[in-house]
Protein backbone atom coordinates (compact mmCIF):
# COMPACT_ATOMS: atom_id res chain seq x y z
CA UNK A 1 42.81 -41.12 -11.29
CA UNK A 2 44.41 -38.38 -13.37
CA UNK A 3 42.53 -35.15 -14.02
CA UNK A 4 43.37 -31.79 -15.65
CA UNK A 5 44.15 -28.89 -13.37
CA UNK A 6 44.32 -25.20 -14.24
CA UNK A 7 45.42 -22.30 -12.05
CA UNK A 8 44.11 -18.92 -13.13
CA UNK A 9 44.46 -15.38 -11.83
CA UNK A 10 40.88 -14.07 -11.89
CA UNK A 11 39.75 -10.43 -11.96
CA UNK A 12 43.10 -9.41 -13.40
CA UNK A 13 44.67 -8.60 -16.77
CA UNK A 14 48.16 -9.66 -15.60
CA UNK A 15 49.69 -12.60 -13.78
CA UNK A 16 50.41 -12.43 -10.05
CA UNK A 17 47.46 -10.10 -9.42
CA UNK A 18 43.76 -10.70 -8.89
CA UNK A 19 42.61 -13.88 -7.14
CA UNK A 20 44.16 -17.26 -8.01
CA UNK A 21 41.80 -20.23 -8.34
CA UNK A 22 42.27 -23.86 -9.28
CA UNK A 23 39.81 -25.36 -11.76
CA UNK A 24 39.52 -29.14 -12.14
CA UNK A 25 37.20 -30.60 -14.82
CA UNK A 26 36.15 -34.17 -13.99
CA UNK A 27 33.91 -36.93 -15.34
CA UNK A 28 32.09 -37.04 -12.01
CA UNK A 29 32.49 -35.50 -8.58
CA UNK A 30 34.57 -37.64 -6.23
CA UNK A 31 33.60 -38.05 -2.59
CA UNK A 32 33.39 -34.82 -0.61
CA UNK A 33 36.36 -35.82 1.53
CA UNK A 34 38.48 -36.26 -1.60
CA UNK A 35 37.51 -32.85 -2.99
CA UNK A 36 38.27 -31.28 0.38
CA UNK A 37 41.67 -32.96 0.46
CA UNK A 38 42.43 -31.73 -3.07
CA UNK A 39 41.45 -28.17 -2.16
CA UNK A 40 43.67 -28.32 0.93
CA UNK A 41 46.54 -29.63 -1.22
CA UNK A 42 46.03 -26.86 -3.79
CA UNK A 43 46.08 -24.37 -0.88
CA UNK A 44 44.32 -21.62 -2.82
CA UNK A 45 41.34 -19.61 -1.65
CA UNK A 46 39.09 -21.83 -3.82
CA UNK A 47 39.24 -24.90 -6.00
CA UNK A 48 36.35 -25.30 -8.46
CA UNK A 49 35.30 -28.80 -9.57
CA UNK A 50 33.41 -29.06 -12.87
CA UNK A 51 31.29 -31.92 -14.24
CA UNK A 52 29.60 -31.80 -17.63
CA UNK A 53 25.78 -31.77 -17.47
CA UNK A 54 24.38 -31.85 -21.02
CA UNK A 55 25.28 -28.52 -22.59
CA UNK A 56 25.95 -27.06 -19.14
CA UNK A 57 28.23 -27.82 -16.20
CA UNK A 58 27.73 -28.54 -12.54
CA UNK A 59 30.14 -26.69 -10.28
CA UNK A 60 31.23 -26.99 -6.65
CA UNK A 61 33.74 -24.85 -4.75
CA UNK A 62 36.00 -25.76 -1.84
CA UNK A 63 38.31 -23.60 0.25
CA UNK A 64 41.19 -25.37 2.01
CA UNK A 65 38.83 -25.81 4.98
CA UNK A 66 35.25 -26.30 3.70
CA UNK A 67 32.78 -26.25 0.81
CA UNK A 68 31.16 -22.88 0.04
CA UNK A 69 27.81 -22.16 -1.65
CA UNK A 70 29.15 -19.51 -4.07
CA UNK A 71 32.52 -18.35 -5.32
CA UNK A 72 32.72 -15.63 -7.94
CA UNK A 73 36.40 -15.65 -8.85
CA UNK A 74 36.53 -19.45 -9.23
CA UNK A 75 33.40 -19.28 -11.42
CA UNK A 76 35.09 -16.66 -13.58
CA UNK A 77 38.16 -18.91 -13.80
CA UNK A 78 35.96 -21.91 -14.65
CA UNK A 79 34.33 -19.96 -17.48
CA UNK A 80 37.78 -19.17 -18.86
CA UNK A 81 38.69 -22.87 -18.77
CA UNK A 82 35.48 -23.90 -20.55
CA UNK A 83 35.55 -21.18 -23.22
CA UNK A 84 39.29 -21.02 -23.83
CA UNK A 85 40.38 -24.65 -23.33
CA UNK A 86 37.53 -27.17 -23.23
CA UNK A 87 35.18 -25.60 -25.80
CA UNK A 88 36.90 -22.63 -27.47
CA UNK A 89 33.95 -21.90 -29.78
CA UNK A 90 31.57 -21.18 -26.89
CA UNK A 91 30.55 -17.65 -25.95
CA UNK A 92 28.32 -18.53 -22.99
CA UNK A 93 28.18 -21.21 -20.31
CA UNK A 94 25.73 -22.09 -17.54
CA UNK A 95 26.96 -23.50 -14.23
CA UNK A 96 24.47 -25.26 -11.94
CA UNK A 97 25.38 -24.76 -8.30
CA UNK A 98 24.17 -24.72 -4.71
CA UNK A 99 23.30 -21.04 -5.34
CA UNK A 100 21.24 -21.80 -8.45
CA UNK A 101 22.11 -21.39 -12.12
CA UNK A 102 25.02 -19.05 -12.84
CA UNK A 103 25.43 -17.58 -16.33
CA UNK A 104 28.75 -16.42 -17.76
CA UNK A 105 29.19 -14.75 -21.16
CA UNK A 106 32.38 -13.93 -23.02
CA UNK A 107 33.11 -10.34 -24.02
CA UNK A 108 35.88 -8.82 -26.10
CA UNK A 109 37.97 -8.18 -22.99
CA UNK A 110 36.86 -10.81 -20.46
CA UNK A 111 33.70 -12.34 -19.01
CA UNK A 112 30.41 -11.20 -17.49
CA UNK A 113 28.87 -13.29 -14.72
CA UNK A 114 25.17 -13.16 -13.83
CA UNK A 115 24.67 -13.96 -10.13
CA UNK A 116 21.82 -13.62 -7.62
CA UNK A 117 22.10 -10.43 -5.57
CA UNK A 118 22.65 -10.62 -1.82
CA UNK A 119 20.52 -8.00 -0.11
CA UNK A 120 21.55 -6.82 3.35
CA UNK A 121 19.70 -5.34 6.30
CA UNK A 122 21.01 -2.86 8.91
CA UNK A 123 22.03 -4.58 12.16
CA UNK A 124 23.73 -3.51 15.38
CA UNK A 125 27.49 -3.90 15.20
CA UNK A 126 28.34 -7.34 16.61
CA UNK A 127 30.37 -7.38 19.81
CA UNK A 128 34.08 -7.07 19.16
CA UNK A 129 33.81 -5.83 15.56
CA UNK A 130 35.36 -2.39 16.13
CA UNK A 131 38.15 -3.93 18.19
CA UNK A 132 38.79 -6.55 15.48
CA UNK A 133 39.10 -3.86 12.80
CA UNK A 134 40.81 -1.20 14.89
CA UNK A 135 38.23 1.36 13.69
CA UNK A 136 34.53 1.94 14.39
CA UNK A 137 32.31 1.47 11.32
CA UNK A 138 29.83 4.14 10.30
CA UNK A 139 27.24 1.45 9.58
CA UNK A 140 26.93 -2.34 9.70
CA UNK A 141 24.57 -4.45 7.59
CA UNK A 142 24.32 -8.21 7.20
CA UNK A 143 22.97 -10.94 4.95
CA UNK A 144 22.91 -14.68 5.61
CA UNK A 145 26.60 -15.03 4.83
CA UNK A 146 28.56 -11.91 5.80
CA UNK A 147 28.66 -8.72 7.79
CA UNK A 148 29.33 -5.59 5.73
CA UNK A 149 30.95 -2.65 7.53
CA UNK A 150 31.09 0.85 6.05
CA UNK A 151 34.12 3.05 6.77
CA UNK A 152 34.44 6.76 6.08
CA UNK A 153 37.35 6.75 3.62
CA UNK A 154 39.09 4.40 1.21
CA UNK A 155 42.44 4.93 2.94
CA UNK A 156 41.00 3.45 6.13
CA UNK A 157 40.00 0.30 4.24
CA UNK A 158 43.41 0.07 2.60
CA UNK A 159 45.24 0.52 5.90
CA UNK A 160 43.37 -2.08 7.96
CA UNK A 161 45.45 -4.61 9.91
CA UNK A 162 42.61 -6.62 11.47
CA UNK A 163 42.61 -9.21 14.23
CA UNK A 164 41.74 -12.35 12.24
CA UNK A 165 41.13 -14.48 15.33
CA UNK A 166 38.51 -11.96 16.49
CA UNK A 167 36.87 -11.90 13.05
CA UNK A 168 36.70 -15.70 13.06
CA UNK A 169 34.62 -15.52 16.25
CA UNK A 170 31.86 -13.43 14.60
CA UNK A 171 28.55 -15.17 13.94
CA UNK A 172 28.91 -14.76 10.15
CA UNK A 173 31.38 -16.65 7.99
CA UNK A 174 32.93 -13.50 6.54
CA UNK A 175 33.35 -9.75 6.92
CA UNK A 176 33.23 -7.23 4.05
CA UNK A 177 34.68 -3.79 4.73
CA UNK A 178 33.96 -1.01 2.25
CA UNK A 179 34.20 2.75 1.71
CA UNK A 180 33.64 5.31 -1.06
CA UNK A 181 36.24 4.83 -3.75
CA UNK A 182 39.38 6.71 -4.68
CA UNK A 183 41.54 6.73 -7.79
CA UNK A 184 38.54 6.68 -10.13
CA UNK A 185 36.75 3.79 -8.39
CA UNK A 186 33.19 4.11 -7.12
CA UNK A 187 33.90 2.00 -4.03
CA UNK A 188 36.70 -0.05 -2.54
CA UNK A 189 36.49 -3.10 -0.32
CA UNK A 190 38.35 -5.88 1.44
CA UNK A 191 37.05 -9.29 2.50
CA UNK A 192 38.11 -11.32 5.53
CA UNK A 193 36.97 -14.93 6.09
CA UNK A 194 39.29 -16.67 8.59
CA UNK A 195 36.42 -18.95 9.66
CA UNK A 196 36.52 -20.41 6.13
CA UNK A 197 40.30 -20.80 6.17
CA UNK A 198 40.90 -17.54 4.24
CA UNK A 199 42.34 -14.73 6.34
CA UNK A 200 41.92 -12.27 3.46
CA UNK A 201 40.54 -13.14 0.04
CA UNK A 202 42.29 -11.17 -2.73
CA UNK A 203 39.20 -10.53 -4.91
CA UNK A 204 35.75 -11.83 -4.00
CA UNK A 205 32.85 -12.19 -6.43
CA UNK A 206 30.41 -13.27 -3.72
CA UNK A 207 31.17 -10.17 -1.65
CA UNK A 208 30.35 -7.98 -4.66
CA UNK A 209 26.96 -9.69 -4.90
CA UNK A 210 26.30 -7.86 -1.61
CA UNK A 211 28.35 -4.73 -2.31
CA UNK A 212 26.56 -3.96 -5.59
CA UNK A 213 23.01 -3.68 -4.17
CA UNK A 214 24.38 -1.93 -1.09
CA UNK A 215 26.06 0.83 -3.11
CA UNK A 216 23.19 0.94 -5.61
CA UNK A 217 20.91 1.94 -2.76
CA UNK A 218 23.36 4.45 -1.29
CA UNK A 219 24.31 6.13 -4.58
CA UNK A 220 21.07 5.60 -6.54
CA UNK A 221 23.03 4.12 -9.45
CA UNK A 222 23.26 0.70 -11.08
CA UNK A 223 26.79 0.51 -12.57
CA UNK A 224 30.04 0.74 -10.63
CA UNK A 225 33.78 0.42 -11.09
CA UNK A 226 35.05 -1.38 -8.00
CA UNK A 227 38.44 -2.22 -6.56
CA UNK A 228 39.19 -4.85 -3.92
CA UNK A 229 42.16 -3.43 -2.07
CA UNK A 230 43.99 -6.59 -1.03
CA UNK A 231 47.75 -6.94 -1.48
CA UNK A 232 47.22 -8.49 -4.94
CA UNK A 233 44.26 -6.24 -5.77
CA UNK A 234 41.57 -6.70 -8.38
CA UNK A 235 39.16 -4.70 -10.54
CA UNK A 236 35.51 -5.42 -11.31
CA UNK A 237 32.69 -3.76 -13.19
CA UNK A 238 29.49 -4.32 -11.20
CA UNK A 239 25.93 -3.83 -12.47
CA UNK A 240 22.61 -4.14 -10.69
CA UNK A 241 20.03 -5.79 -12.99
CA UNK A 242 16.74 -6.36 -11.16
CA UNK A 243 17.47 -8.85 -8.38
CA UNK A 244 20.63 -10.04 -10.14
CA UNK A 245 24.19 -8.76 -10.18
CA UNK A 246 26.48 -8.72 -13.22
CA UNK A 247 30.19 -8.90 -12.43
CA UNK A 248 32.64 -8.31 -15.27
CA UNK A 249 36.33 -9.12 -15.17
CA UNK A 250 39.29 -10.71 -16.91
CA UNK A 251 41.37 -13.86 -16.36
CA UNK A 252 44.98 -14.85 -16.98
CA UNK A 253 46.14 -18.48 -17.21
CA UNK A 254 49.11 -19.22 -14.95
CA UNK A 255 49.38 -23.04 -14.79
CA UNK A 256 48.04 -26.00 -16.80
CA UNK A 257 48.77 -29.61 -15.95
CA UNK A 258 47.53 -32.94 -14.64
CA UNK A 259 46.81 -33.98 -11.07
CA UNK A 260 47.28 -37.54 -9.82
CA UNK A 261 44.55 -38.38 -7.30
């Protein structure tokens, strides 16, 4: 079987920044083991598989190690593929996923995604968290997917050199670390998910589904300019809209070709 493959730098306006994702439109989803093997071969944080469903698309996301229920940057990349390559006249697309229906609209400068918010609750810091980070968080909250740890300053987030093996032993699949922003950003963050085969994700839409309501409550605001301070780095505009989160960003095409499966 031969299928198109695209590699896109998401949440960036230039190549070699943001978060790279592979997008593979198909006539139907192959077996799970095949999709997992493809994602491992692509060796990117996520590979998105798309199947047409009427006017919409079904979407599934795989890391090199496992399938995940939501991936923001690969959804952004998939929207770019649909609206710039598959159906250039479209301005909006709906993806049906394990996390429900995801809506993406085109803007003059990029795309806006409409995702369900992830609300967190305060929890005691899990054993080993401070040692894994090398710093004691001011506060720890959690949802069903990730811990979120608040640090005092952005420079502490930027300077982290965490123990990934220790993070992988936590009883959540990922760890978000955040602090008040610098350089004109409202908040900064980093995301570590070694248990999912991703030591550090460059820019993470799913994490911002938790970060947006968290900072909305802390700052009593609904719109934020955010920066994920990984080595590649990425910018997002985040908006709280009821129990949904809007994430706005840009994409740059890096690679277009055909995969032999």
